[in-house]
Every structure is written in structure tokens, then in C-alpha cells.
Amino acid sequence: MQGKVWKFGDNIDTDLIIAARYLNTSEPSELAKHVMEDADPEFVSKMNRGDIIVAGENFGCGSSREHAPIALKEAGVSAIIAPTFARIFYRNAFNMGLPIFELKESSEISEGDTIKVDMDAGEVINISQAKTYKFTAIPEFMQELVDAGGLIAFAKNEINAGA
């Protein structure tokens, strides 16, 4: 995956990702219209499909709502990179098929940079700055969840393969 970087700070909670006032729907396309709205009101109109969020510590803290990774994925965010993630968001992201990567050097990446993530090699390549970073490998079964498009799609594939 490759895209333009959008930067956010530390402790971006699920209410900043998708505000509670929009939780009267579970329709991904509706949620996507409002992703990151309270952190950057113009985020959705500025970003392009495939762009990547690079954030500070503890991304996805707050409530356990699955709406947050659903909204990000549906809006076209291809990945999120941060030094740390809230544990429930970490698991929800993979369950929804949204790849996230823990990279302690994420603060060295600037907004507007173009980066490429090579999940197999465990690398983030900052094309704009000609730098490469290694990230903590994602367990194979979690990579399979992302490749399948999330836990439900993975389970359907497994059921169909066994049928």
C-alpha cells in the first residue's frame, strides 16, 4: 500500500475518529462522510482513497466502538501507523480488515510525505524522505484477516473452503 500521509497527534480517541452524534447508523458509507471530522473538519474532502494516517501514541483510545475502524476503512484510509494503539482498537481494526502498524519512529514522518508499507517485509518506506523503517511484524493470522477484508469475510472463506 502506498499513499499520502495525514498526521494526527497523541490520544486520538474513537470519538474524534467518528463522533458519537453519528452513531445512529451503522452504514459504513454514512460513517465515512464524518471520519476525523472533529479533529480536522475537512479531512474527508482533502484525502484520497489509499492515503495513510500517521499518528502519535495511543491511537484509538476511548470506547470500544467498531464504528471507528469501519469509518476509516470505508473513507479510503489504507493504513494507520502509530507508535502505540489502544488494545481494543488494535483488535477491532484487524477484525474489520483495516491494517495498522506500530512504528516507534512515526513522529519522523511528515504530513504530505508519500509512504509505502510493505507488510511482508515489515517496512515503512518514506519515499519523500528516502528513509526506511522496520515495524513490529504482524502475526500471520492477523495478516490473513486483513487480506480477507476482515474477520467476517475470513470466516466466510473458511466455511466455504470446508464445504
C-alpha atoms as a PDB file:
ATOM      1  CA  MET A   1       0.000   0.000   0.000  1.00  0.00           C
ATOM      2  CA  GLN A   2       1.175   3.493  -0.802  1.00  0.00           C
ATOM      3  CA  GLY A   3      -0.326   6.887  -0.081  1.00  0.00           C
ATOM      4  CA  LYS A   4      -0.054  10.429   1.144  1.00  0.00           C
ATOM      5  CA  VAL A   5       0.381  10.940   4.882  1.00  0.00           C
ATOM      6  CA  TRP A   6      -2.118  12.727   7.102  1.00  0.00           C
ATOM      7  CA  LYS A   7      -0.770  13.425  10.605  1.00  0.00           C
ATOM      8  CA  PHE A   8      -2.645  13.386  13.881  1.00  0.00           C
ATOM      9  CA  GLY A   9      -1.333  13.673  17.433  1.00  0.00           C
ATOM     10  CA  ASP A  10      -1.418  11.577  20.570  1.00  0.00           C
ATOM     11  CA  ASN A  11      -4.538  10.100  22.163  1.00  0.00           C
ATOM     12  CA  ILE A  12      -6.838  10.309  19.152  1.00  0.00           C
ATOM     13  CA  ASP A  13      -9.899   8.677  20.659  1.00  0.00           C
ATOM     14  CA  THR A  14     -12.750   6.908  18.949  1.00  0.00           C
ATOM     15  CA  ASP A  15     -14.993   9.956  19.417  1.00  0.00           C
ATOM     16  CA  LEU A  16     -12.532  12.028  17.339  1.00  0.00           C
ATOM     17  CA  ILE A  17     -12.414   9.272  14.732  1.00  0.00           C
ATOM     18  CA  ILE A  18     -16.216   9.103  14.458  1.00  0.00           C
ATOM     19  CA  ALA A  19     -18.235  11.325  16.778  1.00  0.00           C
ATOM     20  CA  ALA A  20     -20.988   9.755  18.885  1.00  0.00           C
ATOM     21  CA  ARG A  21     -23.580  12.012  17.225  1.00  0.00           C
ATOM     22  CA  TYR A  22     -23.228   9.880  14.064  1.00  0.00           C
ATOM     23  CA  LEU A  23     -23.692   6.533  15.771  1.00  0.00           C
ATOM     24  CA  ASN A  24     -27.389   6.416  14.970  1.00  0.00           C
ATOM     25  CA  THR A  25     -26.317   4.467  11.865  1.00  0.00           C
ATOM     26  CA  SER A  26     -24.059   1.534  11.239  1.00  0.00           C
ATOM     27  CA  GLU A  27     -23.990   2.173   7.484  1.00  0.00           C
ATOM     28  CA  PRO A  28     -20.277   2.386   6.571  1.00  0.00           C
ATOM     29  CA  SER A  29     -20.808   4.896   3.737  1.00  0.00           C
ATOM     30  CA  GLU A  30     -22.616   7.298   6.086  1.00  0.00           C
ATOM     31  CA  LEU A  31     -19.980   6.937   8.800  1.00  0.00           C
ATOM     32  CA  ALA A  32     -17.202   7.551   6.255  1.00  0.00           C
ATOM     33  CA  LYS A  33     -18.584  11.012   5.459  1.00  0.00           C
ATOM     34  CA  HIS A  34     -17.750  12.132   9.009  1.00  0.00           C
ATOM     35  CA  VAL A  35     -14.474  10.345   9.785  1.00  0.00           C
ATOM     36  CA  MET A  36     -11.990  12.510  11.741  1.00  0.00           C
ATOM     37  CA  GLU A  37     -14.433  15.434  11.440  1.00  0.00           C
ATOM     38  CA  ASP A  38     -13.835  16.762  14.964  1.00  0.00           C
ATOM     39  CA  ALA A  39     -10.047  16.522  14.589  1.00  0.00           C
ATOM     40  CA  ASP A  40      -9.985  18.028  11.065  1.00  0.00           C
ATOM     41  CA  PRO A  41     -13.367  19.111   9.644  1.00  0.00           C
ATOM     42  CA  GLU A  42     -12.061  18.928   6.059  1.00  0.00           C
ATOM     43  CA  PHE A  43     -10.204  15.618   6.334  1.00  0.00           C
ATOM     44  CA  VAL A  44     -12.598  13.582   4.173  1.00  0.00           C
ATOM     45  CA  SER A  45     -12.671  16.182   1.407  1.00  0.00           C
ATOM     46  CA  LYS A  46      -8.860  16.561   1.385  1.00  0.00           C
ATOM     47  CA  MET A  47      -7.792  12.930   1.488  1.00  0.00           C
ATOM     48  CA  ASN A  48      -7.746  10.424  -1.350  1.00  0.00           C
ATOM     49  CA  ARG A  49      -8.505   6.724  -1.293  1.00  0.00           C
ATOM     50  CA  GLY A  50      -5.336   4.896  -0.282  1.00  0.00           C
ATOM     51  CA  ASP A  51      -3.949   7.692   1.895  1.00  0.00           C
ATOM     52  CA  ILE A  52      -2.394   6.766   5.228  1.00  0.00           C
ATOM     53  CA  ILE A  53      -2.839   8.212   8.707  1.00  0.00           C
ATOM     54  CA  VAL A  54       0.291   8.585  10.820  1.00  0.00           C
ATOM     55  CA  ALA A  55      -0.481   9.402  14.426  1.00  0.00           C
ATOM     56  CA  GLY A  56       1.033   9.711  17.870  1.00  0.00           C
ATOM     57  CA  GLU A  57       0.747   7.457  20.898  1.00  0.00           C
ATOM     58  CA  ASN A  58      -2.415   5.618  21.925  1.00  0.00           C
ATOM     59  CA  PHE A  59      -4.414   5.969  18.688  1.00  0.00           C
ATOM     60  CA  GLY A  60      -7.983   4.692  19.041  1.00  0.00           C
ATOM     61  CA  CYS A  61      -8.336   5.092  22.791  1.00  0.00           C
ATOM     62  CA  GLY A  62     -11.762   5.643  24.311  1.00  0.00           C
ATOM     63  CA  SER A  63     -14.780   3.482  23.666  1.00  0.00           C
ATOM     64  CA  SER A  64     -14.688   0.049  22.111  1.00  0.00           C
ATOM     65  CA  ARG A  65     -16.920   1.028  19.183  1.00  0.00           C
ATOM     66  CA  GLU A  66     -16.235  -0.863  15.975  1.00  0.00           C
ATOM     67  CA  HIS A  67     -17.569   2.128  14.065  1.00  0.00           C
ATOM     68  CA  ALA A  68     -14.144   3.809  14.231  1.00  0.00           C
ATOM     69  CA  PRO A  69     -12.160   1.346  12.089  1.00  0.00           C
ATOM     70  CA  ILE A  70     -15.203   0.781   9.864  1.00  0.00           C
ATOM     71  CA  ALA A  71     -15.470   4.522   9.139  1.00  0.00           C
ATOM     72  CA  LEU A  72     -11.734   4.878   8.476  1.00  0.00           C
ATOM     73  CA  LYS A  73     -11.649   1.916   6.115  1.00  0.00           C
ATOM     74  CA  GLU A  74     -14.793   2.979   4.243  1.00  0.00           C
ATOM     75  CA  ALA A  75     -13.437   6.538   3.868  1.00  0.00           C
ATOM     76  CA  GLY A  76     -10.481   5.057   1.997  1.00  0.00           C
ATOM     77  CA  VAL A  77      -7.735   5.168   4.636  1.00  0.00           C
ATOM     78  CA  SER A  78      -5.474   2.289   3.601  1.00  0.00           C
ATOM     79  CA  ALA A  79      -3.494   2.017   6.850  1.00  0.00           C
ATOM     80  CA  ILE A  80      -2.714   3.687  10.153  1.00  0.00           C
ATOM     81  CA  ILE A  81       0.766   3.969  11.610  1.00  0.00           C
ATOM     82  CA  ALA A  82       1.415   4.990  15.211  1.00  0.00           C
ATOM     83  CA  PRO A  83       3.865   4.131  17.997  1.00  0.00           C
ATOM     84  CA  THR A  84       1.035   2.543  20.020  1.00  0.00           C
ATOM     85  CA  PHE A  85      -2.657   1.774  19.672  1.00  0.00           C
ATOM     86  CA  ALA A  86      -5.362   1.257  22.263  1.00  0.00           C
ATOM     87  CA  ARG A  87      -5.680  -2.511  22.557  1.00  0.00           C
ATOM     88  CA  ILE A  88      -9.396  -2.729  21.745  1.00  0.00           C
ATOM     89  CA  PHE A  89      -8.938  -0.507  18.670  1.00  0.00           C
ATOM     90  CA  TYR A  90      -5.979  -2.666  17.604  1.00  0.00           C
ATOM     91  CA  ARG A  91      -8.104  -5.793  17.600  1.00  0.00           C
ATOM     92  CA  ASN A  92     -11.178  -4.088  16.103  1.00  0.00           C
ATOM     93  CA  ALA A  93      -9.082  -2.701  13.241  1.00  0.00           C
ATOM     94  CA  PHE A  94      -7.842  -6.142  12.241  1.00  0.00           C
ATOM     95  CA  ASN A  95     -11.315  -7.626  12.684  1.00  0.00           C
ATOM     96  CA  MET A  96     -12.603  -5.019  10.215  1.00  0.00           C
ATOM     97  CA  GLY A  97      -9.708  -5.571   7.792  1.00  0.00           C
ATOM     98  CA  LEU A  98      -8.004  -2.225   8.433  1.00  0.00           C
ATOM     99  CA  PRO A  99      -4.215  -2.669   8.613  1.00  0.00           C
ATOM    100  CA  ILE A 100      -2.432  -0.832  11.413  1.00  0.00           C
ATOM    101  CA  PHE A 101       1.272  -0.774  12.160  1.00  0.00           C
ATOM    102  CA  GLU A 102       3.197   0.064  15.314  1.00  0.00           C
ATOM    103  CA  LEU A 103       6.213   2.170  14.437  1.00  0.00           C
ATOM    104  CA  LYS A 104       8.058   3.986  17.216  1.00  0.00           C
ATOM    105  CA  GLU A 105       9.654   6.400  14.686  1.00  0.00           C
ATOM    106  CA  SER A 106       6.301   7.556  13.293  1.00  0.00           C
ATOM    107  CA  SER A 107       6.997  11.117  14.509  1.00  0.00           C
ATOM    108  CA  GLU A 108       9.782  11.345  11.890  1.00  0.00           C
ATOM    109  CA  ILE A 109       7.196  11.066   9.086  1.00  0.00           C
ATOM    110  CA  SER A 110       5.708  14.399   7.976  1.00  0.00           C
ATOM    111  CA  GLU A 111       2.243  15.265   6.758  1.00  0.00           C
ATOM    112  CA  GLY A 112       2.220  15.245   2.984  1.00  0.00           C
ATOM    113  CA  ASP A 113       5.011  12.674   2.666  1.00  0.00           C
ATOM    114  CA  THR A 114       4.365   9.742   0.371  1.00  0.00           C
ATOM    115  CA  ILE A 115       4.988   6.441   2.089  1.00  0.00           C
ATOM    116  CA  LYS A 116       4.764   2.807   1.132  1.00  0.00           C
ATOM    117  CA  VAL A 117       4.025  -0.007   3.563  1.00  0.00           C
ATOM    118  CA  ASP A 118       5.402  -3.436   2.768  1.00  0.00           C
ATOM    119  CA  MET A 119       3.581  -5.741   5.168  1.00  0.00           C
ATOM    120  CA  ASP A 120       5.545  -8.817   4.105  1.00  0.00           C
ATOM    121  CA  ALA A 121       8.947  -7.167   4.597  1.00  0.00           C
ATOM    122  CA  GLY A 122       7.813  -5.322   7.752  1.00  0.00           C
ATOM    123  CA  GLU A 123       8.876  -1.966   6.359  1.00  0.00           C
ATOM    124  CA  VAL A 124       7.571   1.549   6.006  1.00  0.00           C
ATOM    125  CA  ILE A 125       9.370   3.328   3.176  1.00  0.00           C
ATOM    126  CA  ASN A 126       9.182   7.095   3.246  1.00  0.00           C
ATOM    127  CA  ILE A 127       9.564   7.870  -0.438  1.00  0.00           C
ATOM    128  CA  SER A 128       9.597  11.637   0.171  1.00  0.00           C
ATOM    129  CA  GLN A 129      12.460  11.467   2.674  1.00  0.00           C
ATOM    130  CA  ALA A 130      14.245   8.389   1.270  1.00  0.00           C
ATOM    131  CA  LYS A 131      14.099   6.619   4.648  1.00  0.00           C
ATOM    132  CA  THR A 132      13.062   3.099   5.546  1.00  0.00           C
ATOM    133  CA  TYR A 133      11.761   1.973   8.929  1.00  0.00           C
ATOM    134  CA  LYS A 134      11.182  -1.510  10.294  1.00  0.00           C
ATOM    135  CA  PHE A 135       7.978  -2.167  12.201  1.00  0.00           C
ATOM    136  CA  THR A 136       6.957  -4.955  14.521  1.00  0.00           C
ATOM    137  CA  ALA A 137       5.810  -7.895  12.436  1.00  0.00           C
ATOM    138  CA  ILE A 138       2.109  -8.583  12.329  1.00  0.00           C
ATOM    139  CA  PRO A 139       1.228 -12.173  13.188  1.00  0.00           C
ATOM    140  CA  GLU A 140       0.409 -14.239  10.104  1.00  0.00           C
ATOM    141  CA  PHE A 141      -3.181 -14.940  11.146  1.00  0.00           C
ATOM    142  CA  MET A 142      -3.828 -11.187  11.512  1.00  0.00           C
ATOM    143  CA  GLN A 143      -2.348 -10.582   8.056  1.00  0.00           C
ATOM    144  CA  GLU A 144      -4.815 -13.188   6.797  1.00  0.00           C
ATOM    145  CA  LEU A 145      -7.664 -11.189   8.360  1.00  0.00           C
ATOM    146  CA  VAL A 146      -6.537  -8.047   6.525  1.00  0.00           C
ATOM    147  CA  ASP A 147      -6.068  -9.916   3.240  1.00  0.00           C
ATOM    148  CA  ALA A 148      -9.575 -11.387   3.522  1.00  0.00           C
ATOM    149  CA  GLY A 149     -11.134  -7.980   4.278  1.00  0.00           C
ATOM    150  CA  GLY A 150     -11.848  -8.635   7.945  1.00  0.00           C
ATOM    151  CA  LEU A 151     -12.940 -11.347  10.344  1.00  0.00           C
ATOM    152  CA  ILE A 152     -16.391 -11.953   8.852  1.00  0.00           C
ATOM    153  CA  ALA A 153     -15.033 -12.299   5.316  1.00  0.00           C
ATOM    154  CA  PHE A 154     -12.259 -14.562   6.638  1.00  0.00           C
ATOM    155  CA  ALA A 155     -14.795 -16.785   8.418  1.00  0.00           C
ATOM    156  CA  LYS A 156     -16.971 -16.995   5.287  1.00  0.00           C
ATOM    157  CA  ASN A 157     -13.920 -18.023   3.257  1.00  0.00           C
ATOM    158  CA  GLU A 158     -13.055 -20.713   5.803  1.00  0.00           C
ATOM    159  CA  ILE A 159     -16.616 -22.057   5.812  1.00  0.00           C
ATOM    160  CA  ASN A 160     -16.756 -22.100   2.017  1.00  0.00           C
ATOM    161  CA  ALA A 161     -13.377 -23.837   1.785  1.00  0.00           C
ATOM    162  CA  GLY A 162     -14.585 -26.556   4.139  1.00  0.00           C
ATOM    163  CA  ALA A 163     -17.939 -27.030   2.410  1.00  0.00           C
END
